[in-house]
Amino acid sequence: VIENMINAIKKVGAGSGGTRNISGTNHYHVLLE
C-alpha cells in the first residue's frame, strides 16, 4: 500500500488539482470506483 502510494505521487504529483468535474477525475479515482 505504501509503495503504491509513493509510486502514484511520483507519477502524478500530490493533489488532484480540482473537483471531479473540473480536471479532478484522475485515472486512479476511476480504477478505485
Full PDB file with SEQRES, HELIX, SHEET, SSBOND, CRYST1, ORIGX, SCALE, CONECT and MASTER records, all heavy atoms in Angstrom:
SEQRES   1 A   33  VAL ILE GLU ASN MET ILE ASN ALA ILE LYS LYS VAL GLY          
SEQRES   2 A   33  ALA GLY SER GLY GLY THR ARG ASN ILE SER GLY THR ASN          
SEQRES   3 A   33  HIS TYR HIS VAL LEU LEU GLU                                  
HELIX    1 AA1 ILE A    2  VAL A   12  1                                  11    
HELIX    2 AA2 HIS A   27  LEU A   32  1                                   6    
CRYST1    1.000    1.000    1.000  90.00  90.00  90.00 P 1           1          
ORIGX1      1.000000  0.000000  0.000000        0.00000                         
ORIGX2      0.000000  1.000000  0.000000        0.00000                         
ORIGX3      0.000000  0.000000  1.000000        0.00000                         
SCALE1      1.000000  0.000000  0.000000        0.00000                         
SCALE2      0.000000  1.000000  0.000000        0.00000                         
SCALE3      0.000000  0.000000  1.000000        0.00000                         
ATOM      1  N   VAL A   1       0.842  -1.203   0.000  1.00  0.00           N  
ATOM      2  CA  VAL A   1       0.000   0.000   0.000  1.00  0.00           C  
ATOM      3  C   VAL A   1       0.879   1.256   0.000  1.00  0.00           C  
ATOM      4  O   VAL A   1       0.686   2.178  -0.803  1.00  0.00           O  
ATOM      5  CB  VAL A   1      -0.959   0.009   1.210  1.00  0.00           C  
ATOM      6  CG1 VAL A   1      -1.654   1.366   1.351  1.00  0.00           C  
ATOM      7  CG2 VAL A   1      -2.000  -1.105   1.081  1.00  0.00           C  
ATOM      8  N   ILE A   2       1.848   1.285   0.899  1.00  0.00           N  
ATOM      9  CA  ILE A   2       2.748   2.439   0.998  1.00  0.00           C  
ATOM     10  C   ILE A   2       3.534   2.631  -0.295  1.00  0.00           C  
ATOM     11  O   ILE A   2       3.645   3.752  -0.821  1.00  0.00           O  
ATOM     12  CB  ILE A   2       3.697   2.274   2.201  1.00  0.00           C  
ATOM     13  CG1 ILE A   2       2.909   2.311   3.516  1.00  0.00           C  
ATOM     14  CG2 ILE A   2       4.773   3.359   2.195  1.00  0.00           C  
ATOM     15  CD1 ILE A   2       3.721   1.928   4.738  1.00  0.00           C  
ATOM     16  N   GLU A   3       4.055   1.536  -0.826  1.00  0.00           N  
ATOM     17  CA  GLU A   3       4.860   1.606  -2.048  1.00  0.00           C  
ATOM     18  C   GLU A   3       4.048   2.152  -3.217  1.00  0.00           C  
ATOM     19  O   GLU A   3       4.518   3.013  -3.976  1.00  0.00           O  
ATOM     20  CB  GLU A   3       5.398   0.218  -2.387  1.00  0.00           C  
ATOM     21  CG  GLU A   3       6.287   0.185  -3.633  1.00  0.00           C  
ATOM     22  CD  GLU A   3       6.759  -1.227  -3.960  1.00  0.00           C  
ATOM     23  OE1 GLU A   3       6.509  -2.151  -3.160  1.00  0.00           O  
ATOM     24  OE2 GLU A   3       7.369  -1.392  -5.035  1.00  0.00           O  
ATOM     25  N   ASN A   4       2.806   1.675  -3.364  1.00  0.00           N  
ATOM     26  CA  ASN A   4       1.981   2.129  -4.479  1.00  0.00           C  
ATOM     27  C   ASN A   4       1.535   3.577  -4.317  1.00  0.00           C  
ATOM     28  O   ASN A   4       1.354   4.291  -5.312  1.00  0.00           O  
ATOM     29  CB  ASN A   4       0.772   1.210  -4.647  1.00  0.00           C  
ATOM     30  CG  ASN A   4       1.149  -0.119  -5.282  1.00  0.00           C  
ATOM     31  OD1 ASN A   4       2.293  -0.320  -5.697  1.00  0.00           O  
ATOM     32  ND2 ASN A   4       0.201  -1.031  -5.354  1.00  0.00           N  
ATOM     33  N   MET A   5       1.377   4.030  -3.067  1.00  0.00           N  
ATOM     34  CA  MET A   5       1.066   5.442  -2.840  1.00  0.00           C  
ATOM     35  C   MET A   5       2.255   6.323  -3.220  1.00  0.00           C  
ATOM     36  O   MET A   5       2.084   7.380  -3.851  1.00  0.00           O  
ATOM     37  CB  MET A   5       0.667   5.662  -1.379  1.00  0.00           C  
ATOM     38  CG  MET A   5      -0.673   5.064  -1.007  1.00  0.00           C  
ATOM     39  SD  MET A   5      -1.159   5.384   0.708  1.00  0.00           S  
ATOM     40  CE  MET A   5      -1.561   7.132   0.614  1.00  0.00           C  
ATOM     41  N   ILE A   6       3.449   5.886  -2.849  1.00  0.00           N  
ATOM     42  CA  ILE A   6       4.665   6.638  -3.201  1.00  0.00           C  
ATOM     43  C   ILE A   6       4.838   6.680  -4.719  1.00  0.00           C  
ATOM     44  O   ILE A   6       5.132   7.736  -5.306  1.00  0.00           O  
ATOM     45  CB  ILE A   6       5.901   6.018  -2.523  1.00  0.00           C  
ATOM     46  CG1 ILE A   6       5.830   6.223  -1.005  1.00  0.00           C  
ATOM     47  CG2 ILE A   6       7.184   6.628  -3.083  1.00  0.00           C  
ATOM     48  CD1 ILE A   6       6.866   5.440  -0.224  1.00  0.00           C  
ATOM     49  N   ASN A   7       4.629   5.544  -5.379  1.00  0.00           N  
ATOM     50  CA  ASN A   7       4.754   5.488  -6.834  1.00  0.00           C  
ATOM     51  C   ASN A   7       3.748   6.421  -7.514  1.00  0.00           C  
ATOM     52  O   ASN A   7       4.082   7.098  -8.504  1.00  0.00           O  
ATOM     53  CB  ASN A   7       4.551   4.058  -7.340  1.00  0.00           C  
ATOM     54  CG  ASN A   7       5.698   3.144  -6.968  1.00  0.00           C  
ATOM     55  OD1 ASN A   7       6.796   3.611  -6.673  1.00  0.00           O  
ATOM     56  ND2 ASN A   7       5.457   1.844  -6.963  1.00  0.00           N  
ATOM     57  N   ALA A   8       2.520   6.446  -6.977  1.00  0.00           N  
ATOM     58  CA  ALA A   8       1.483   7.298  -7.566  1.00  0.00           C  
ATOM     59  C   ALA A   8       1.825   8.774  -7.421  1.00  0.00           C  
ATOM     60  O   ALA A   8       1.647   9.557  -8.362  1.00  0.00           O  
ATOM     61  CB  ALA A   8       0.129   7.002  -6.915  1.00  0.00           C  
ATOM     62  N   ILE A   9       2.322   9.160  -6.251  1.00  0.00           N  
ATOM     63  CA  ILE A   9       2.640  10.570  -6.037  1.00  0.00           C  
ATOM     64  C   ILE A   9       3.819  11.002  -6.899  1.00  0.00           C  
ATOM     65  O   ILE A   9       3.885  12.138  -7.381  1.00  0.00           O  
ATOM     66  CB  ILE A   9       2.879  10.862  -4.538  1.00  0.00           C  
ATOM     67  CG1 ILE A   9       2.582  12.311  -4.210  1.00  0.00           C  
ATOM     68  CG2 ILE A   9       4.277  10.515  -4.083  1.00  0.00           C  
ATOM     69  CD1 ILE A   9       2.508  12.612  -2.721  1.00  0.00           C  
ATOM     70  N   LYS A  10       4.753  10.077  -7.150  1.00  0.00           N  
ATOM     71  CA  LYS A  10       5.866  10.379  -8.054  1.00  0.00           C  
ATOM     72  C   LYS A  10       5.391  10.475  -9.501  1.00  0.00           C  
ATOM     73  O   LYS A  10       5.932  11.261 -10.294  1.00  0.00           O  
ATOM     74  CB  LYS A  10       6.950   9.310  -7.930  1.00  0.00           C  
ATOM     75  CG  LYS A  10       7.769   9.397  -6.648  1.00  0.00           C  
ATOM     76  CD  LYS A  10       8.830   8.304  -6.606  1.00  0.00           C  
ATOM     77  CE  LYS A  10       9.699   8.424  -5.354  1.00  0.00           C  
ATOM     78  NZ  LYS A  10      10.725   7.355  -5.288  1.00  0.00           N  
ATOM     79  N   LYS A  11       4.364   9.701  -9.814  1.00  0.00           N  
ATOM     80  CA  LYS A  11       3.875   9.646 -11.193  1.00  0.00           C  
ATOM     81  C   LYS A  11       2.998  10.840 -11.546  1.00  0.00           C  
ATOM     82  O   LYS A  11       3.144  11.427 -12.631  1.00  0.00           O  
ATOM     83  CB  LYS A  11       3.094   8.343 -11.391  1.00  0.00           C  
ATOM     84  CG  LYS A  11       2.580   8.118 -12.808  1.00  0.00           C  
ATOM     85  CD  LYS A  11       1.877   6.781 -12.902  1.00  0.00           C  
ATOM     86  CE  LYS A  11       1.355   6.541 -14.316  1.00  0.00           C  
ATOM     87  NZ  LYS A  11       0.638   5.238 -14.412  1.00  0.00           N  
ATOM     88  N   VAL A  12       2.068  11.218 -10.627  1.00  0.00           N  
ATOM     89  CA  VAL A  12       1.079  12.250 -10.992  1.00  0.00           C  
ATOM     90  C   VAL A  12       1.113  13.485 -10.088  1.00  0.00           C  
ATOM     91  O   VAL A  12       0.373  14.438 -10.320  1.00  0.00           O  
ATOM     92  CB  VAL A  12      -0.358  11.666 -11.004  1.00  0.00           C  
ATOM     93  CG1 VAL A  12      -0.448  10.503 -11.959  1.00  0.00           C  
ATOM     94  CG2 VAL A  12      -0.807  11.245  -9.605  1.00  0.00           C  
ATOM     95  N   GLY A  13       1.943  13.470  -9.043  1.00  0.00           N  
ATOM     96  CA  GLY A  13       2.014  14.614  -8.147  1.00  0.00           C  
ATOM     97  C   GLY A  13       1.158  14.443  -6.915  1.00  0.00           C  
ATOM     98  O   GLY A  13       0.546  13.398  -6.693  1.00  0.00           O  
ATOM     99  N   ALA A  14       1.083  15.508  -6.108  1.00  0.00           N  
ATOM    100  CA  ALA A  14       0.454  15.412  -4.788  1.00  0.00           C  
ATOM    101  C   ALA A  14      -1.064  15.505  -4.833  1.00  0.00           C  
ATOM    102  O   ALA A  14      -1.769  14.594  -4.401  1.00  0.00           O  
ATOM    103  CB  ALA A  14       1.025  16.493  -3.868  1.00  0.00           C  
ATOM    104  N   GLY A  15      -1.596  16.608  -5.333  1.00  0.00           N  
ATOM    105  CA  GLY A  15      -3.038  16.827  -5.296  1.00  0.00           C  
ATOM    106  C   GLY A  15      -3.705  16.535  -6.619  1.00  0.00           C  
ATOM    107  O   GLY A  15      -3.056  16.389  -7.656  1.00  0.00           O  
ATOM    108  N   SER A  16      -5.049  16.465  -6.588  1.00  0.00           N  
ATOM    109  CA  SER A  16      -5.806  16.184  -7.816  1.00  0.00           C  
ATOM    110  C   SER A  16      -5.953  17.431  -8.679  1.00  0.00           C  
ATOM    111  O   SER A  16      -6.133  17.330  -9.889  1.00  0.00           O  
ATOM    112  CB  SER A  16      -7.188  15.641  -7.458  1.00  0.00           C  
ATOM    113  OG  SER A  16      -7.987  16.658  -6.874  1.00  0.00           O  
ATOM    114  N   GLY A  17      -5.952  18.597  -8.055  1.00  0.00           N  
ATOM    115  CA  GLY A  17      -5.999  19.840  -8.817  1.00  0.00           C  
ATOM    116  C   GLY A  17      -7.378  20.365  -9.131  1.00  0.00           C  
ATOM    117  O   GLY A  17      -7.512  21.395  -9.801  1.00  0.00           O  
ATOM    118  N   GLY A  18      -8.422  19.706  -8.662  1.00  0.00           N  
ATOM    119  CA  GLY A  18      -9.752  20.233  -8.950  1.00  0.00           C  
ATOM    120  C   GLY A  18     -10.865  19.335  -8.471  1.00  0.00           C  
ATOM    121  O   GLY A  18     -10.638  18.258  -7.906  1.00  0.00           O  
ATOM    122  N   THR A  19     -12.083  19.797  -8.695  1.00  0.00           N  
ATOM    123  CA  THR A  19     -13.248  18.957  -8.412  1.00  0.00           C  
ATOM    124  C   THR A  19     -13.295  17.841  -9.447  1.00  0.00           C  
ATOM    125  O   THR A  19     -12.604  17.875 -10.471  1.00  0.00           O  
ATOM    126  CB  THR A  19     -14.545  19.779  -8.504  1.00  0.00           C  
ATOM    127  OG1 THR A  19     -14.716  20.211  -9.867  1.00  0.00           O  
ATOM    128  CG2 THR A  19     -14.491  20.993  -7.585  1.00  0.00           C  
ATOM    129  N   ARG A  20     -14.170  16.867  -9.199  1.00  0.00           N  
ATOM    130  CA  ARG A  20     -14.265  15.756 -10.158  1.00  0.00           C  
ATOM    131  C   ARG A  20     -14.700  16.257 -11.537  1.00  0.00           C  
ATOM    132  O   ARG A  20     -14.327  15.686 -12.561  1.00  0.00           O  
ATOM    133  CB  ARG A  20     -15.250  14.702  -9.639  1.00  0.00           C  
ATOM    134  CG  ARG A  20     -14.750  13.905  -8.447  1.00  0.00           C  
ATOM    135  CD  ARG A  20     -13.608  12.982  -8.800  1.00  0.00           C  
ATOM    136  NE  ARG A  20     -13.997  11.962  -9.769  1.00  0.00           N  
ATOM    137  CZ  ARG A  20     -14.514  10.781  -9.441  1.00  0.00           C  
ATOM    138  NH1 ARG A  20     -14.705  10.458  -8.183  1.00  0.00           N  
ATOM    139  NH2 ARG A  20     -14.823   9.901 -10.382  1.00  0.00           N  
ATOM    140  N   ASN A  21     -15.490  17.330 -11.562  1.00  0.00           N  
ATOM    141  CA  ASN A  21     -15.991  17.870 -12.823  1.00  0.00           C  
ATOM    142  C   ASN A  21     -14.960  18.730 -13.548  1.00  0.00           C  
ATOM    143  O   ASN A  21     -15.002  18.843 -14.770  1.00  0.00           O  
ATOM    144  CB  ASN A  21     -17.259  18.695 -12.571  1.00  0.00           C  
ATOM    145  CG  ASN A  21     -17.915  19.162 -13.849  1.00  0.00           C  
ATOM    146  OD1 ASN A  21     -18.138  18.362 -14.748  1.00  0.00           O  
ATOM    147  ND2 ASN A  21     -18.216  20.447 -13.944  1.00  0.00           N  
ATOM    148  N   ILE A  22     -14.049  19.336 -12.793  1.00  0.00           N  
ATOM    149  CA  ILE A  22     -13.097  20.278 -13.394  1.00  0.00           C  
ATOM    150  C   ILE A  22     -11.683  19.764 -13.168  1.00  0.00           C  
ATOM    151  O   ILE A  22     -11.017  20.120 -12.187  1.00  0.00           O  
ATOM    152  CB  ILE A  22     -13.277  21.702 -12.829  1.00  0.00           C  
ATOM    153  CG1 ILE A  22     -14.731  22.161 -12.998  1.00  0.00           C  
ATOM    154  CG2 ILE A  22     -12.333  22.684 -13.525  1.00  0.00           C  
ATOM    155  CD1 ILE A  22     -15.040  23.499 -12.360  1.00  0.00           C  
ATOM    156  N   SER A  23     -11.249  18.888 -13.997  1.00  0.00           N  
ATOM    157  CA  SER A  23      -9.881  18.351 -14.085  1.00  0.00           C  
ATOM    158  C   SER A  23      -9.471  17.436 -12.940  1.00  0.00           C  
ATOM    159  O   SER A  23      -8.338  16.973 -12.898  1.00  0.00           O  
ATOM    160  CB  SER A  23      -8.846  19.494 -14.211  1.00  0.00           C  
ATOM    161  OG  SER A  23      -8.519  20.063 -12.953  1.00  0.00           O  
ATOM    162  N   GLY A  24     -10.391  17.162 -11.987  1.00  0.00           N  
ATOM    163  CA  GLY A  24     -10.005  16.415 -10.798  1.00  0.00           C  
ATOM    164  C   GLY A  24     -10.350  14.942 -10.801  1.00  0.00           C  
ATOM    165  O   GLY A  24     -10.244  14.269  -9.770  1.00  0.00           O  
ATOM    166  N   THR A  25     -10.794  14.405 -11.948  1.00  0.00           N  
ATOM    167  CA  THR A  25     -11.016  12.962 -12.050  1.00  0.00           C  
ATOM    168  C   THR A  25      -9.763  12.326 -12.624  1.00  0.00           C  
ATOM    169  O   THR A  25      -9.530  12.338 -13.832  1.00  0.00           O  
ATOM    170  CB  THR A  25     -12.238  12.635 -12.915  1.00  0.00           C  
ATOM    171  OG1 THR A  25     -13.419  13.128 -12.269  1.00  0.00           O  
ATOM    172  CG2 THR A  25     -12.385  11.119 -13.097  1.00  0.00           C  
ATOM    173  N   ASN A  26      -8.943  11.794 -11.731  1.00  0.00           N  
ATOM    174  CA  ASN A  26      -7.718  11.114 -12.133  1.00  0.00           C  
ATOM    175  C   ASN A  26      -8.036   9.651 -12.411  1.00  0.00           C  
ATOM    176  O   ASN A  26      -8.982   9.090 -11.858  1.00  0.00           O  
ATOM    177  CB  ASN A  26      -6.676  11.245 -11.013  1.00  0.00           C  
ATOM    178  CG  ASN A  26      -5.303  10.783 -11.432  1.00  0.00           C  
ATOM    179  OD1 ASN A  26      -5.012   9.593 -11.432  1.00  0.00           O  
ATOM    180  ND2 ASN A  26      -4.449  11.730 -11.805  1.00  0.00           N  
ATOM    181  N   HIS A  27      -7.229   9.020 -13.245  1.00  0.00           N  
ATOM    182  CA  HIS A  27      -7.484   7.611 -13.588  1.00  0.00           C  
ATOM    183  C   HIS A  27      -7.480   6.717 -12.345  1.00  0.00           C  
ATOM    184  O   HIS A  27      -8.187   5.697 -12.314  1.00  0.00           O  
ATOM    185  CB  HIS A  27      -6.447   7.112 -14.600  1.00  0.00           C  
ATOM    186  CG  HIS A  27      -6.778   5.761 -15.163  1.00  0.00           C  
ATOM    187  ND1 HIS A  27      -7.979   5.484 -15.790  1.00  0.00           N  
ATOM    188  CD2 HIS A  27      -6.075   4.589 -15.170  1.00  0.00           C  
ATOM    189  CE1 HIS A  27      -7.993   4.216 -16.170  1.00  0.00           C  
ATOM    190  NE2 HIS A  27      -6.850   3.652 -15.801  1.00  0.00           N  
ATOM    191  N   TYR A  28      -6.713   7.095 -11.309  1.00  0.00           N  
ATOM    192  CA  TYR A  28      -6.722   6.326 -10.066  1.00  0.00           C  
ATOM    193  C   TYR A  28      -8.110   6.341  -9.414  1.00  0.00           C  
ATOM    194  O   TYR A  28      -8.524   5.346  -8.809  1.00  0.00           O  
ATOM    195  CB  TYR A  28      -5.681   6.871  -9.086  1.00  0.00           C  
ATOM    196  CG  TYR A  28      -4.248   6.544  -9.450  1.00  0.00           C  
ATOM    197  CD1 TYR A  28      -3.386   7.535  -9.899  1.00  0.00           C  
ATOM    198  CD2 TYR A  28      -3.758   5.244  -9.345  1.00  0.00           C  
ATOM    199  CE1 TYR A  28      -2.063   7.242 -10.226  1.00  0.00           C  
ATOM    200  CE2 TYR A  28      -2.445   4.936  -9.664  1.00  0.00           C  
ATOM    201  CZ  TYR A  28      -1.601   5.943 -10.115  1.00  0.00           C  
ATOM    202  OH  TYR A  28      -0.305   5.641 -10.440  1.00  0.00           O  
ATOM    203  N   HIS A  29      -8.834   7.455  -9.531  1.00  0.00           N  
ATOM    204  CA  HIS A  29     -10.199   7.516  -8.996  1.00  0.00           C  
ATOM    205  C   HIS A  29     -11.111   6.550  -9.748  1.00  0.00           C  
ATOM    206  O   HIS A  29     -11.931   5.854  -9.148  1.00  0.00           O  
ATOM    207  CB  HIS A  29     -10.767   8.941  -9.123  1.00  0.00           C  
ATOM    208  CG  HIS A  29     -10.013   9.964  -8.354  1.00  0.00           C  
ATOM    209  ND1 HIS A  29      -9.543  11.127  -8.924  1.00  0.00           N  
ATOM    210  CD2 HIS A  29      -9.636  10.016  -7.059  1.00  0.00           C  
ATOM    211  CE1 HIS A  29      -8.914  11.849  -8.018  1.00  0.00           C  
ATOM    212  NE2 HIS A  29      -8.958  11.191  -6.875  1.00  0.00           N  
ATOM    213  N   VAL A  30     -10.958   6.524 -11.054  1.00  0.00           N  
ATOM    214  CA  VAL A  30     -11.779   5.645 -11.889  1.00  0.00           C  
ATOM    215  C   VAL A  30     -11.523   4.177 -11.546  1.00  0.00           C  
ATOM    216  O   VAL A  30     -12.455   3.375 -11.404  1.00  0.00           O  
ATOM    217  CB  VAL A  30     -11.505   5.915 -13.386  1.00  0.00           C  
ATOM    218  CG1 VAL A  30     -12.304   4.948 -14.265  1.00  0.00           C  
ATOM    219  CG2 VAL A  30     -11.852   7.362 -13.736  1.00  0.00           C  
ATOM    220  N   LEU A  31     -10.250   3.829 -11.405  1.00  0.00           N  
ATOM    221  CA  LEU A  31      -9.901   2.447 -11.053  1.00  0.00           C  
ATOM    222  C   LEU A  31     -10.467   2.062  -9.687  1.00  0.00           C  
ATOM    223  O   LEU A  31     -10.972   0.945  -9.506  1.00  0.00           O  
ATOM    224  CB  LEU A  31      -8.382   2.279 -11.051  1.00  0.00           C  
ATOM    225  CG  LEU A  31      -7.677   2.352 -12.409  1.00  0.00           C  
ATOM    226  CD1 LEU A  31      -6.163   2.297 -12.209  1.00  0.00           C  
ATOM    227  CD2 LEU A  31      -8.139   1.222 -13.312  1.00  0.00           C  
ATOM    228  N   LEU A  32     -10.394   2.980  -8.732  1.00  0.00           N  
ATOM    229  CA  LEU A  32     -10.887   2.693  -7.381  1.00  0.00           C  
ATOM    230  C   LEU A  32     -12.405   2.521  -7.385  1.00  0.00           C  
ATOM    231  O   LEU A  32     -12.933   1.585  -6.757  1.00  0.00           O  
ATOM    232  CB  LEU A  32     -10.472   3.810  -6.422  1.00  0.00           C  
ATOM    233  CG  LEU A  32     -10.993   3.717  -4.987  1.00  0.00           C  
ATOM    234  CD1 LEU A  32     -10.651   2.373  -4.350  1.00  0.00           C  
ATOM    235  CD2 LEU A  32     -10.417   4.858  -4.137  1.00  0.00           C  
ATOM    236  N   GLU A  33     -13.121   3.395  -8.062  1.00  0.00           N  
ATOM    237  CA  GLU A  33     -14.581   3.255  -8.117  1.00  0.00           C  
ATOM    238  C   GLU A  33     -14.979   1.950  -8.798  1.00  0.00           C  
ATOM    239  O   GLU A  33     -15.932   1.281  -8.371  1.00  0.00           O  
ATOM    240  CB  GLU A  33     -15.190   4.460  -8.846  1.00  0.00           C  
ATOM    241  CG  GLU A  33     -15.166   5.714  -7.977  1.00  0.00           C  
ATOM    242  CD  GLU A  33     -15.646   6.966  -8.676  1.00  0.00           C  
ATOM    243  OE1 GLU A  33     -15.612   7.008  -9.929  1.00  0.00           O  
ATOM    244  OE2 GLU A  33     -16.045   7.915  -7.975  1.00  0.00           O  
TER     245      GLU A  33                                                      
MASTER        0    0    0    2    0    0    0    6  244    1    0    3          
END                                                                             
